[in-house]
Amino acid sequence: MFKQWKYLFLMATVLFTQILPSYAQSNYPNKPIKLVVGFPPGGGVDFTARLIAPQLAEALGQQVIIENKPGAAGVIALNELTRAAPDGYTLAVANIGPMVLAPNMMAKKPYDPLKDFTPIGQIISTYFLAVVPRDLPVDSLKSFIQWAKKNPDKANFASGGNGSITHLNGELLNTLGGTKLTHVPYKGSAPAIVDLVSGQTHILIDITGILVPQVQSGNLKAIAITSPTRDKDLPNVPTMRESGFTELETSGWQGIVGPAGMPKDVVQKLQAALKKTLANPDVRERLEKAGTPITERSSAEFAAFIKSENDRWVSVIKASGASIE
């Protein structure tokens, strides 16, 4: 008799533990969701987060709160995300920097990009613009390289932080152009642009969306773009291929990720909300105008893409010798 009761108790325990998580998540979300941005306000990732947050909130029926945690090219924010509860209430808008580049430049990885996160979906892809101060005596990428070689003691390049795509773009320029530009890292794109405009730095290769207005206003000069074709807003700016640097045809991307181990039903709800958000005409138009066209990938597709990007960039990082402490 005792054994029968013990067996029934064990069966009830198993059923309870299986059913309870599903029941607990069935009313997700029932409180505000935190969307972490690993960069300061004003940058490209912050722009995307603030654009989609209201639409996500409407689709999910809960407030989506933006929290900026800048530092280490987004690594600090994602490292904290790995320690968050995998319940769908703490997410992040991540990009290629902390999801691919920075961890592979570190002697000791702070986290595993392929194992420590749950990809929710990709939002955008984007290309980069090489810009210089308006008073710098160059008018093309080749003439900039010539100038840099003549001024090795002072020539430098700015980036949005150690381990960011803007960092690696500069390192690739050094490798392919034979220059010795000194790396000047900033905590995000916005402060990097400020110093570039004032002439304290000499080149920045960053996303088109935040640089085109600076070029159109005359604050900066554009000398090349990393896209396969010219940008409609800057038709006179040649591509990297046209400039003789095909290997500098790089692109960036952004998407939403959460901690590893998130319940499937929560991921599905978030994925559906993101899909609805990206279908919004206003969101699509504003992203297009910002030079960051929508590139949708589901959770599974985004996970496979992140893996392919890690595979691709590891060899590039090793060849360039880029590293961060």
C-alpha atoms as a PDB file:
ATOM      1  CA  MET A   1       0.000   0.000   0.000  1.00  0.00           C
ATOM      2  CA  PHE A   2       2.802   2.393   0.904  1.00  0.00           C
ATOM      3  CA  LYS A   3       4.550   1.679  -2.395  1.00  0.00           C
ATOM      4  CA  GLN A   4       1.354   2.464  -4.308  1.00  0.00           C
ATOM      5  CA  TRP A   5       0.949   5.804  -2.547  1.00  0.00           C
ATOM      6  CA  LYS A   6       4.615   6.572  -3.134  1.00  0.00           C
ATOM      7  CA  TYR A   7       4.190   5.790  -6.836  1.00  0.00           C
ATOM      8  CA  LEU A   8       1.076   7.997  -7.088  1.00  0.00           C
ATOM      9  CA  PHE A   9       2.880  10.797  -5.270  1.00  0.00           C
ATOM     10  CA  LEU A  10       5.814  10.637  -7.681  1.00  0.00           C
ATOM     11  CA  MET A  11       3.475  10.627 -10.690  1.00  0.00           C
ATOM     12  CA  ALA A  12       1.606  13.643  -9.343  1.00  0.00           C
ATOM     13  CA  THR A  13       4.885  15.470  -8.777  1.00  0.00           C
ATOM     14  CA  VAL A  14       6.014  14.811 -12.353  1.00  0.00           C
ATOM     15  CA  LEU A  15       2.693  15.991 -13.783  1.00  0.00           C
ATOM     16  CA  PHE A  16       2.710  19.077 -11.556  1.00  0.00           C
ATOM     17  CA  THR A  17       6.217  20.103 -12.600  1.00  0.00           C
ATOM     18  CA  GLN A  18       5.327  19.632 -16.255  1.00  0.00           C
ATOM     19  CA  ILE A  19       2.024  21.463 -16.163  1.00  0.00           C
ATOM     20  CA  LEU A  20       2.884  24.340 -13.832  1.00  0.00           C
ATOM     21  CA  PRO A  21       5.517  26.043 -16.032  1.00  0.00           C
ATOM     22  CA  SER A  22       3.159  25.922 -18.995  1.00  0.00           C
ATOM     23  CA  TYR A  23       0.318  27.347 -16.914  1.00  0.00           C
ATOM     24  CA  ALA A  24       2.565  30.000 -15.381  1.00  0.00           C
ATOM     25  CA  GLN A  25       3.662  31.211 -18.800  1.00  0.00           C
ATOM     26  CA  SER A  26       0.189  31.102 -20.389  1.00  0.00           C
ATOM     27  CA  ASN A  27      -0.592  34.635 -19.239  1.00  0.00           C
ATOM     28  CA  TYR A  28       2.711  36.095 -20.452  1.00  0.00           C
ATOM     29  CA  PRO A  29       3.265  38.981 -20.333  1.00  0.00           C
ATOM     30  CA  ASN A  30       1.607  40.200 -17.149  1.00  0.00           C
ATOM     31  CA  LYS A  31       4.082  42.947 -16.227  1.00  0.00           C
ATOM     32  CA  PRO A  32       6.370  45.463 -18.006  1.00  0.00           C
ATOM     33  CA  ILE A  33       9.215  44.151 -20.165  1.00  0.00           C
ATOM     34  CA  LYS A  34      12.719  45.590 -19.988  1.00  0.00           C
ATOM     35  CA  LEU A  35      14.510  46.083 -23.315  1.00  0.00           C
ATOM     36  CA  VAL A  36      18.222  46.626 -22.690  1.00  0.00           C
ATOM     37  CA  VAL A  37      20.448  48.643 -25.040  1.00  0.00           C
ATOM     38  CA  GLY A  38      24.203  48.261 -24.616  1.00  0.00           C
ATOM     39  CA  PHE A  39      24.961  51.688 -26.069  1.00  0.00           C
ATOM     40  CA  PRO A  40      24.267  55.334 -25.138  1.00  0.00           C
ATOM     41  CA  PRO A  41      21.175  57.219 -26.351  1.00  0.00           C
ATOM     42  CA  GLY A  42      21.561  58.639 -29.852  1.00  0.00           C
ATOM     43  CA  GLY A  43      23.299  55.690 -31.495  1.00  0.00           C
ATOM     44  CA  GLY A  44      21.986  53.235 -34.077  1.00  0.00           C
ATOM     45  CA  VAL A  45      20.963  50.443 -31.698  1.00  0.00           C
ATOM     46  CA  ASP A  46      19.242  52.930 -29.387  1.00  0.00           C
ATOM     47  CA  PHE A  47      17.344  54.375 -32.373  1.00  0.00           C
ATOM     48  CA  THR A  48      16.031  50.939 -33.318  1.00  0.00           C
ATOM     49  CA  ALA A  49      15.028  50.095 -29.750  1.00  0.00           C
ATOM     50  CA  ARG A  50      13.103  53.343 -29.229  1.00  0.00           C
ATOM     51  CA  LEU A  51      11.382  52.998 -32.590  1.00  0.00           C
ATOM     52  CA  ILE A  52      10.070  49.470 -32.039  1.00  0.00           C
ATOM     53  CA  ALA A  53       9.377  49.641 -28.284  1.00  0.00           C
ATOM     54  CA  PRO A  54       5.952  51.373 -28.515  1.00  0.00           C
ATOM     55  CA  GLN A  55       4.765  48.961 -31.205  1.00  0.00           C
ATOM     56  CA  LEU A  56       6.003  45.935 -29.263  1.00  0.00           C
ATOM     57  CA  ALA A  57       4.200  47.257 -26.197  1.00  0.00           C
ATOM     58  CA  GLU A  58       0.963  47.564 -28.151  1.00  0.00           C
ATOM     59  CA  ALA A  59       1.312  44.052 -29.596  1.00  0.00           C
ATOM     60  CA  LEU A  60       2.117  42.508 -26.204  1.00  0.00           C
ATOM     61  CA  GLY A  61      -0.289  44.551 -24.096  1.00  0.00           C
ATOM     62  CA  GLN A  62       2.445  45.578 -21.664  1.00  0.00           C
ATOM     63  CA  GLN A  63       4.844  48.500 -21.322  1.00  0.00           C
ATOM     64  CA  VAL A  64       8.301  48.011 -22.890  1.00  0.00           C
ATOM     65  CA  ILE A  65      10.906  50.008 -20.981  1.00  0.00           C
ATOM     66  CA  ILE A  66      14.220  50.970 -22.599  1.00  0.00           C
ATOM     67  CA  GLU A  67      17.270  50.699 -20.353  1.00  0.00           C
ATOM     68  CA  ASN A  68      20.638  51.937 -21.646  1.00  0.00           C
ATOM     69  CA  LYS A  69      23.682  50.113 -20.253  1.00  0.00           C
ATOM     70  CA  PRO A  70      26.611  51.304 -22.396  1.00  0.00           C
ATOM     71  CA  GLY A  71      30.157  50.026 -22.230  1.00  0.00           C
ATOM     72  CA  ALA A  72      32.586  47.587 -23.859  1.00  0.00           C
ATOM     73  CA  ALA A  73      30.807  47.786 -27.222  1.00  0.00           C
ATOM     74  CA  GLY A  74      27.626  46.278 -25.798  1.00  0.00           C
ATOM     75  CA  VAL A  75      29.351  43.422 -23.962  1.00  0.00           C
ATOM     76  CA  ILE A  76      28.493  44.729 -20.473  1.00  0.00           C
ATOM     77  CA  ALA A  77      24.767  44.738 -21.229  1.00  0.00           C
ATOM     78  CA  LEU A  78      24.748  41.273 -22.799  1.00  0.00           C
ATOM     79  CA  ASN A  79      26.884  39.839 -20.029  1.00  0.00           C
ATOM     80  CA  GLU A  80      24.254  41.038 -17.549  1.00  0.00           C
ATOM     81  CA  LEU A  81      21.515  39.592 -19.754  1.00  0.00           C
ATOM     82  CA  THR A  82      23.024  36.109 -19.388  1.00  0.00           C
ATOM     83  CA  ARG A  83      22.323  36.359 -15.642  1.00  0.00           C
ATOM     84  CA  ALA A  84      18.705  37.509 -16.043  1.00  0.00           C
ATOM     85  CA  ALA A  85      15.793  35.141 -15.465  1.00  0.00           C
ATOM     86  CA  PRO A  86      14.801  33.458 -18.764  1.00  0.00           C
ATOM     87  CA  ASP A  87      11.162  34.465 -18.355  1.00  0.00           C
ATOM     88  CA  GLY A  88      10.850  36.948 -21.218  1.00  0.00           C
ATOM     89  CA  TYR A  89      10.816  40.060 -19.039  1.00  0.00           C
ATOM     90  CA  THR A  90      14.418  41.046 -19.772  1.00  0.00           C
ATOM     91  CA  LEU A  91      15.468  41.272 -23.413  1.00  0.00           C
ATOM     92  CA  ALA A  92      18.078  43.168 -25.401  1.00  0.00           C
ATOM     93  CA  VAL A  93      18.496  44.705 -28.820  1.00  0.00           C
ATOM     94  CA  ALA A  94      21.843  43.239 -29.817  1.00  0.00           C
ATOM     95  CA  ASN A  95      24.008  43.786 -32.864  1.00  0.00           C
ATOM     96  CA  ILE A  96      27.001  42.200 -34.536  1.00  0.00           C
ATOM     97  CA  GLY A  97      29.463  43.751 -32.060  1.00  0.00           C
ATOM     98  CA  PRO A  98      28.639  41.959 -28.802  1.00  0.00           C
ATOM     99  CA  MET A  99      27.066  38.944 -30.544  1.00  0.00           C
ATOM    100  CA  VAL A 100      30.000  38.151 -32.847  1.00  0.00           C
ATOM    101  CA  LEU A 101      32.989  40.474 -32.834  1.00  0.00           C
ATOM    102  CA  ALA A 102      33.843  41.453 -29.260  1.00  0.00           C
ATOM    103  CA  PRO A 103      33.699  37.974 -27.669  1.00  0.00           C
ATOM    104  CA  ASN A 104      35.960  36.586 -30.397  1.00  0.00           C
ATOM    105  CA  MET A 105      38.488  39.370 -29.827  1.00  0.00           C
ATOM    106  CA  MET A 106      38.835  38.616 -26.122  1.00  0.00           C
ATOM    107  CA  ALA A 107      41.362  36.209 -24.658  1.00  0.00           C
ATOM    108  CA  LYS A 108      38.626  34.965 -22.334  1.00  0.00           C
ATOM    109  CA  LYS A 109      35.078  35.131 -23.643  1.00  0.00           C
ATOM    110  CA  PRO A 110      32.626  36.753 -21.185  1.00  0.00           C
ATOM    111  CA  TYR A 111      29.884  34.542 -22.638  1.00  0.00           C
ATOM    112  CA  ASP A 112      29.220  32.150 -25.510  1.00  0.00           C
ATOM    113  CA  PRO A 113      27.209  33.964 -28.226  1.00  0.00           C
ATOM    114  CA  LEU A 114      25.847  30.659 -29.508  1.00  0.00           C
ATOM    115  CA  LYS A 115      24.833  29.076 -26.196  1.00  0.00           C
ATOM    116  CA  ASP A 116      24.078  31.832 -23.677  1.00  0.00           C
ATOM    117  CA  PHE A 117      21.204  33.575 -25.487  1.00  0.00           C
ATOM    118  CA  THR A 118      17.796  32.874 -26.987  1.00  0.00           C
ATOM    119  CA  PRO A 119      17.475  34.630 -30.366  1.00  0.00           C
ATOM    120  CA  ILE A 120      13.988  36.098 -30.784  1.00  0.00           C
ATOM    121  CA  GLY A 121      14.320  37.566 -34.272  1.00  0.00           C
ATOM    122  CA  GLN A 122      16.381  39.797 -36.533  1.00  0.00           C
ATOM    123  CA  ILE A 123      15.163  43.330 -37.163  1.00  0.00           C
ATOM    124  CA  ILE A 124      17.437  45.046 -39.681  1.00  0.00           C
ATOM    125  CA  SER A 125      20.596  44.841 -41.709  1.00  0.00           C
ATOM    126  CA  THR A 126      22.665  47.862 -42.606  1.00  0.00           C
ATOM    127  CA  TYR A 127      25.731  49.034 -44.457  1.00  0.00           C
ATOM    128  CA  PHE A 128      28.476  51.423 -43.475  1.00  0.00           C
ATOM    129  CA  LEU A 129      29.739  54.774 -44.625  1.00  0.00           C
ATOM    130  CA  ALA A 130      33.364  55.905 -44.432  1.00  0.00           C
ATOM    131  CA  VAL A 131      33.399  59.563 -43.383  1.00  0.00           C
ATOM    132  CA  VAL A 132      36.124  62.096 -42.601  1.00  0.00           C
ATOM    133  CA  PRO A 133      36.156  65.672 -41.221  1.00  0.00           C
ATOM    134  CA  ARG A 134      35.117  68.219 -43.840  1.00  0.00           C
ATOM    135  CA  ASP A 135      38.476  70.045 -43.620  1.00  0.00           C
ATOM    136  CA  LEU A 136      40.644  66.946 -44.081  1.00  0.00           C
ATOM    137  CA  PRO A 137      42.431  67.305 -47.460  1.00  0.00           C
ATOM    138  CA  VAL A 138      41.107  64.080 -49.013  1.00  0.00           C
ATOM    139  CA  ASP A 139      38.239  63.303 -51.384  1.00  0.00           C
ATOM    140  CA  SER A 140      38.364  59.526 -51.749  1.00  0.00           C
ATOM    141  CA  LEU A 141      39.353  56.403 -49.849  1.00  0.00           C
ATOM    142  CA  LYS A 142      42.582  56.119 -51.837  1.00  0.00           C
ATOM    143  CA  SER A 143      43.534  59.721 -51.121  1.00  0.00           C
ATOM    144  CA  PHE A 144      42.756  59.190 -47.428  1.00  0.00           C
ATOM    145  CA  ILE A 145      45.077  56.181 -47.341  1.00  0.00           C
ATOM    146  CA  GLN A 146      47.796  58.249 -49.010  1.00  0.00           C
ATOM    147  CA  TRP A 147      47.297  61.014 -46.435  1.00  0.00           C
ATOM    148  CA  ALA A 148      47.393  58.504 -43.569  1.00  0.00           C
ATOM    149  CA  LYS A 149      50.666  57.021 -44.807  1.00  0.00           C
ATOM    150  CA  LYS A 150      52.186  60.488 -44.973  1.00  0.00           C
ATOM    151  CA  ASN A 151      50.998  61.263 -41.421  1.00  0.00           C
ATOM    152  CA  PRO A 152      51.586  57.998 -39.512  1.00  0.00           C
ATOM    153  CA  ASP A 153      52.211  59.749 -36.193  1.00  0.00           C
ATOM    154  CA  LYS A 154      48.835  61.489 -36.028  1.00  0.00           C
ATOM    155  CA  ALA A 155      46.449  59.537 -38.298  1.00  0.00           C
ATOM    156  CA  ASN A 156      43.742  57.660 -36.384  1.00  0.00           C
ATOM    157  CA  PHE A 157      40.311  56.104 -36.733  1.00  0.00           C
ATOM    158  CA  ALA A 158      37.338  56.404 -34.411  1.00  0.00           C
ATOM    159  CA  SER A 159      34.990  53.609 -33.391  1.00  0.00           C
ATOM    160  CA  GLY A 160      31.903  53.074 -31.265  1.00  0.00           C
ATOM    161  CA  GLY A 161      33.963  51.000 -28.844  1.00  0.00           C
ATOM    162  CA  ASN A 162      36.482  48.185 -28.557  1.00  0.00           C
ATOM    163  CA  GLY A 163      35.132  45.084 -30.232  1.00  0.00           C
ATOM    164  CA  SER A 164      32.435  46.870 -32.234  1.00  0.00           C
ATOM    165  CA  ILE A 165      31.978  46.487 -35.992  1.00  0.00           C
ATOM    166  CA  THR A 166      33.272  50.044 -36.360  1.00  0.00           C
ATOM    167  CA  HIS A 167      36.452  48.910 -34.597  1.00  0.00           C
ATOM    168  CA  LEU A 168      36.888  45.963 -36.937  1.00  0.00           C
ATOM    169  CA  ASN A 169      36.099  48.099 -39.989  1.00  0.00           C
ATOM    170  CA  GLY A 170      39.008  50.325 -39.016  1.00  0.00           C
ATOM    171  CA  GLU A 171      41.319  47.377 -38.417  1.00  0.00           C
ATOM    172  CA  LEU A 172      40.387  45.965 -41.820  1.00  0.00           C
ATOM    173  CA  LEU A 173      41.222  49.310 -43.381  1.00  0.00           C
ATOM    174  CA  ASN A 174      44.639  49.166 -41.727  1.00  0.00           C
ATOM    175  CA  THR A 175      45.217  45.646 -43.042  1.00  0.00           C
ATOM    176  CA  LEU A 176      43.942  46.206 -46.577  1.00  0.00           C
ATOM    177  CA  GLY A 177      45.238  49.746 -46.980  1.00  0.00           C
ATOM    178  CA  GLY A 178      48.623  49.205 -45.382  1.00  0.00           C
ATOM    179  CA  THR A 179      48.056  52.054 -42.932  1.00  0.00           C
ATOM    180  CA  LYS A 180      48.867  52.317 -39.238  1.00  0.00           C
ATOM    181  CA  LEU A 181      45.874  54.266 -38.010  1.00  0.00           C
ATOM    182  CA  THR A 182      45.644  54.504 -34.227  1.00  0.00           C
ATOM    183  CA  HIS A 183      42.370  53.221 -32.832  1.00  0.00           C
ATOM    184  CA  VAL A 184      40.366  55.752 -30.777  1.00  0.00           C
ATOM    185  CA  PRO A 185      37.395  53.954 -29.145  1.00  0.00           C
ATOM    186  CA  TYR A 186      34.293  55.703 -27.791  1.00  0.00           C
ATOM    187  CA  LYS A 187      31.282  54.541 -25.800  1.00  0.00           C
ATOM    188  CA  GLY A 188      28.980  54.479 -28.773  1.00  0.00           C
ATOM    189  CA  SER A 189      28.634  56.163 -32.155  1.00  0.00           C
ATOM    190  CA  ALA A 190      27.228  59.490 -30.969  1.00  0.00           C
ATOM    191  CA  PRO A 191      30.336  60.670 -29.049  1.00  0.00           C
ATOM    192  CA  ALA A 192      32.576  59.299 -31.818  1.00  0.00           C
ATOM    193  CA  ILE A 193      30.774  61.466 -34.371  1.00  0.00           C
ATOM    194  CA  VAL A 194      31.116  64.580 -32.187  1.00  0.00           C
ATOM    195  CA  ASP A 195      34.915  64.269 -32.087  1.00  0.00           C
ATOM    196  CA  LEU A 196      35.111  63.409 -35.785  1.00  0.00           C
ATOM    197  CA  VAL A 197      33.169  66.551 -36.701  1.00  0.00           C
ATOM    198  CA  SER A 198      35.572  68.633 -34.586  1.00  0.00           C
ATOM    199  CA  GLY A 199      38.578  67.061 -36.310  1.00  0.00           C
ATOM    200  CA  GLN A 200      39.994  65.269 -33.273  1.00  0.00           C
ATOM    201  CA  THR A 201      39.737  61.959 -35.160  1.00  0.00           C
ATOM    202  CA  HIS A 202      40.212  61.336 -38.866  1.00  0.00           C
ATOM    203  CA  ILE A 203      37.886  58.601 -40.116  1.00  0.00           C
ATOM    204  CA  LEU A 204      34.881  56.602 -38.962  1.00  0.00           C
ATOM    205  CA  ILE A 205      33.215  53.712 -40.810  1.00  0.00           C
ATOM    206  CA  ASP A 206      29.770  53.488 -39.238  1.00  0.00           C
ATOM    207  CA  ILE A 207      26.161  52.852 -40.251  1.00  0.00           C
ATOM    208  CA  THR A 208      24.720  55.068 -42.966  1.00  0.00           C
ATOM    209  CA  GLY A 209      21.600  55.988 -41.002  1.00  0.00           C
ATOM    210  CA  ILE A 210      23.377  58.130 -38.440  1.00  0.00           C
ATOM    211  CA  LEU A 211      26.041  59.522 -40.798  1.00  0.00           C
ATOM    212  CA  VAL A 212      24.038  60.575 -43.866  1.00  0.00           C
ATOM    213  CA  PRO A 213      22.515  63.619 -42.067  1.00  0.00           C
ATOM    214  CA  GLN A 214      26.011  64.726 -41.017  1.00  0.00           C
ATOM    215  CA  VAL A 215      27.196  64.440 -44.623  1.00  0.00           C
ATOM    216  CA  GLN A 216      24.159  66.208 -46.060  1.00  0.00           C
ATOM    217  CA  SER A 217      24.578  69.065 -43.573  1.00  0.00           C
ATOM    218  CA  GLY A 218      28.232  69.481 -44.570  1.00  0.00           C
ATOM    219  CA  ASN A 219      29.675  68.506 -41.183  1.00  0.00           C
ATOM    220  CA  LEU A 220      31.435  65.449 -42.614  1.00  0.00           C
ATOM    221  CA  LYS A 221      32.639  64.171 -45.983  1.00  0.00           C
ATOM    222  CA  ALA A 222      31.686  60.708 -47.223  1.00  0.00           C
ATOM    223  CA  ILE A 223      34.412  58.940 -49.193  1.00  0.00           C
ATOM    224  CA  ALA A 224      33.067  55.371 -49.624  1.00  0.00           C
ATOM    225  CA  ILE A 225      30.170  53.063 -48.729  1.00  0.00           C
ATOM    226  CA  THR A 226      30.320  49.331 -47.936  1.00  0.00           C
ATOM    227  CA  SER A 227      27.123  48.349 -49.797  1.00  0.00           C
ATOM    228  CA  PRO A 228      27.305  46.512 -53.153  1.00  0.00           C
ATOM    229  CA  THR A 229      25.553  49.465 -54.843  1.00  0.00           C
ATOM    230  CA  ARG A 230      25.549  53.206 -54.243  1.00  0.00           C
ATOM    231  CA  ASP A 231      23.157  54.737 -51.720  1.00  0.00           C
ATOM    232  CA  LYS A 232      20.192  56.639 -53.185  1.00  0.00           C
ATOM    233  CA  ASP A 233      20.715  59.469 -50.676  1.00  0.00           C
ATOM    234  CA  LEU A 234      24.420  59.796 -51.560  1.00  0.00           C
ATOM    235  CA  PRO A 235      24.594  58.907 -55.273  1.00  0.00           C
ATOM    236  CA  ASN A 236      28.020  60.500 -55.717  1.00  0.00           C
ATOM    237  CA  VAL A 237      29.704  58.390 -53.031  1.00  0.00           C
ATOM    238  CA  PRO A 238      31.452  55.336 -54.545  1.00  0.00           C
ATOM    239  CA  THR A 239      31.200  51.833 -53.125  1.00  0.00           C
ATOM    240  CA  MET A 240      34.167  50.044 -51.572  1.00  0.00           C
ATOM    241  CA  ARG A 241      34.248  47.830 -54.669  1.00  0.00           C
ATOM    242  CA  GLU A 242      34.480  50.876 -56.925  1.00  0.00           C
ATOM    243  CA  SER A 243      37.182  52.262 -54.643  1.00  0.00           C
ATOM    244  CA  GLY A 244      39.268  49.104 -55.056  1.00  0.00           C
ATOM    245  CA  PHE A 245      38.539  47.558 -51.638  1.00  0.00           C
ATOM    246  CA  THR A 246      36.001  44.794 -52.217  1.00  0.00           C
ATOM    247  CA  GLU A 247      36.963  43.063 -48.953  1.00  0.00           C
ATOM    248  CA  LEU A 248      35.666  46.095 -47.050  1.00  0.00           C
ATOM    249  CA  GLU A 249      32.105  45.282 -48.159  1.00  0.00           C
ATOM    250  CA  THR A 250      30.862  44.693 -44.632  1.00  0.00           C
ATOM    251  CA  SER A 251      27.359  44.866 -43.196  1.00  0.00           C
ATOM    252  CA  GLY A 252      25.838  45.035 -39.755  1.00  0.00           C
ATOM    253  CA  TRP A 253      22.591  43.828 -38.230  1.00  0.00           C
ATOM    254  CA  GLN A 254      20.421  44.103 -35.159  1.00  0.00           C
ATOM    255  CA  GLY A 255      17.932  41.791 -33.498  1.00  0.00           C
ATOM    256  CA  ILE A 256      16.287  40.917 -30.204  1.00  0.00           C
ATOM    257  CA  VAL A 257      17.740  38.286 -27.892  1.00  0.00           C
ATOM    258  CA  GLY A 258      16.957  37.022 -24.408  1.00  0.00           C
ATOM    259  CA  PRO A 259      18.723  34.797 -21.888  1.00  0.00           C
ATOM    260  CA  ALA A 260      19.240  31.128 -22.712  1.00  0.00           C
ATOM    261  CA  GLY A 261      16.490  28.714 -21.745  1.00  0.00           C
ATOM    262  CA  MET A 262      13.403  30.823 -22.470  1.00  0.00           C
ATOM    263  CA  PRO A 263      10.104  28.881 -22.753  1.00  0.00           C
ATOM    264  CA  LYS A 264       9.029  28.163 -26.324  1.00  0.00           C
ATOM    265  CA  ASP A 265       5.601  29.752 -25.903  1.00  0.00           C
ATOM    266  CA  VAL A 266       7.160  33.007 -24.676  1.00  0.00           C
ATOM    267  CA  VAL A 267       9.573  33.053 -27.622  1.00  0.00           C
ATOM    268  CA  GLN A 268       6.653  32.462 -29.986  1.00  0.00           C
ATOM    269  CA  LYS A 269       4.650  35.348 -28.476  1.00  0.00           C
ATOM    270  CA  LEU A 270       7.634  37.686 -28.719  1.00  0.00           C
ATOM    271  CA  GLN A 271       8.365  36.571 -32.267  1.00  0.00           C
ATOM    272  CA  ALA A 272       4.760  37.212 -33.280  1.00  0.00           C
ATOM    273  CA  ALA A 273       4.821  40.663 -31.632  1.00  0.00           C
ATOM    274  CA  LEU A 274       8.063  41.525 -33.425  1.00  0.00           C
ATOM    275  CA  LYS A 275       6.632  40.400 -36.763  1.00  0.00           C
ATOM    276  CA  LYS A 276       3.572  42.604 -36.205  1.00  0.00           C
ATOM    277  CA  THR A 277       5.821  45.515 -35.227  1.00  0.00           C
ATOM    278  CA  LEU A 278       7.951  45.227 -38.364  1.00  0.00           C
ATOM    279  CA  ALA A 279       4.822  45.097 -40.532  1.00  0.00           C
ATOM    280  CA  ASN A 280       3.817  48.553 -39.271  1.00  0.00           C
ATOM    281  CA  PRO A 281       4.126  50.990 -42.229  1.00  0.00           C
ATOM    282  CA  ASP A 282       5.496  53.824 -40.074  1.00  0.00           C
ATOM    283  CA  VAL A 283       8.193  51.590 -38.585  1.00  0.00           C
ATOM    284  CA  ARG A 284       9.188  50.296 -42.013  1.00  0.00           C
ATOM    285  CA  GLU A 285       9.326  53.802 -43.480  1.00  0.00           C
ATOM    286  CA  ARG A 286      11.418  55.237 -40.649  1.00  0.00           C
ATOM    287  CA  LEU A 287      13.882  52.345 -40.774  1.00  0.00           C
ATOM    288  CA  GLU A 288      14.207  52.718 -44.543  1.00  0.00           C
ATOM    289  CA  LYS A 289      14.828  56.464 -44.203  1.00  0.00           C
ATOM    290  CA  ALA A 290      17.447  55.760 -41.544  1.00  0.00           C
ATOM    291  CA  GLY A 291      19.321  53.546 -43.995  1.00  0.00           C
ATOM    292  CA  THR A 292      18.584  50.409 -41.968  1.00  0.00           C
ATOM    293  CA  PRO A 293      16.216  48.317 -44.098  1.00  0.00           C
ATOM    294  CA  ILE A 294      14.201  45.609 -42.360  1.00  0.00           C
ATOM    295  CA  THR A 295      15.585  42.084 -42.590  1.00  0.00           C
ATOM    296  CA  GLU A 296      13.239  39.684 -40.847  1.00  0.00           C
ATOM    297  CA  ARG A 297      14.473  36.364 -39.504  1.00  0.00           C
ATOM    298  CA  SER A 298      12.556  34.063 -37.187  1.00  0.00           C
ATOM    299  CA  SER A 299      14.039  32.756 -33.949  1.00  0.00           C
ATOM    300  CA  ALA A 300      15.461  29.644 -35.630  1.00  0.00           C
ATOM    301  CA  GLU A 301      16.653  31.556 -38.693  1.00  0.00           C
ATOM    302  CA  PHE A 302      18.270  34.226 -36.534  1.00  0.00           C
ATOM    303  CA  ALA A 303      20.078  31.579 -34.472  1.00  0.00           C
ATOM    304  CA  ALA A 304      21.479  29.975 -37.638  1.00  0.00           C
ATOM    305  CA  PHE A 305      22.496  33.385 -38.977  1.00  0.00           C
ATOM    306  CA  ILE A 306      24.331  34.308 -35.764  1.00  0.00           C
ATOM    307  CA  LYS A 307      26.282  31.061 -36.037  1.00  0.00           C
ATOM    308  CA  SER A 308      27.212  31.755 -39.661  1.00  0.00           C
ATOM    309  CA  GLU A 309      28.367  35.269 -38.749  1.00  0.00           C
ATOM    310  CA  ASN A 310      30.562  33.909 -35.961  1.00  0.00           C
ATOM    311  CA  ASP A 311      32.075  31.398 -38.370  1.00  0.00           C
ATOM    312  CA  ARG A 312      32.774  34.120 -40.916  1.00  0.00           C
ATOM    313  CA  TRP A 313      34.281  36.776 -38.664  1.00  0.00           C
ATOM    314  CA  VAL A 314      36.552  34.572 -36.539  1.00  0.00           C
ATOM    315  CA  SER A 315      38.941  34.154 -39.460  1.00  0.00           C
ATOM    316  CA  VAL A 316      38.807  37.868 -40.269  1.00  0.00           C
ATOM    317  CA  ILE A 317      39.581  38.782 -36.658  1.00  0.00           C
ATOM    318  CA  LYS A 318      42.558  36.419 -36.546  1.00  0.00           C
ATOM    319  CA  ALA A 319      43.903  37.764 -39.848  1.00  0.00           C
ATOM    320  CA  SER A 320      43.628  41.394 -38.703  1.00  0.00           C
ATOM    321  CA  GLY A 321      45.155  40.697 -35.283  1.00  0.00           C
ATOM    322  CA  ALA A 322      42.425  42.779 -33.651  1.00  0.00           C
ATOM    323  CA  SER A 323      42.008  42.119 -29.945  1.00  0.00           C
ATOM    324  CA  ILE A 324      40.543  43.743 -26.863  1.00  0.00           C
ATOM    325  CA  GLU A 325      41.306  43.225 -23.189  1.00  0.00           C
END
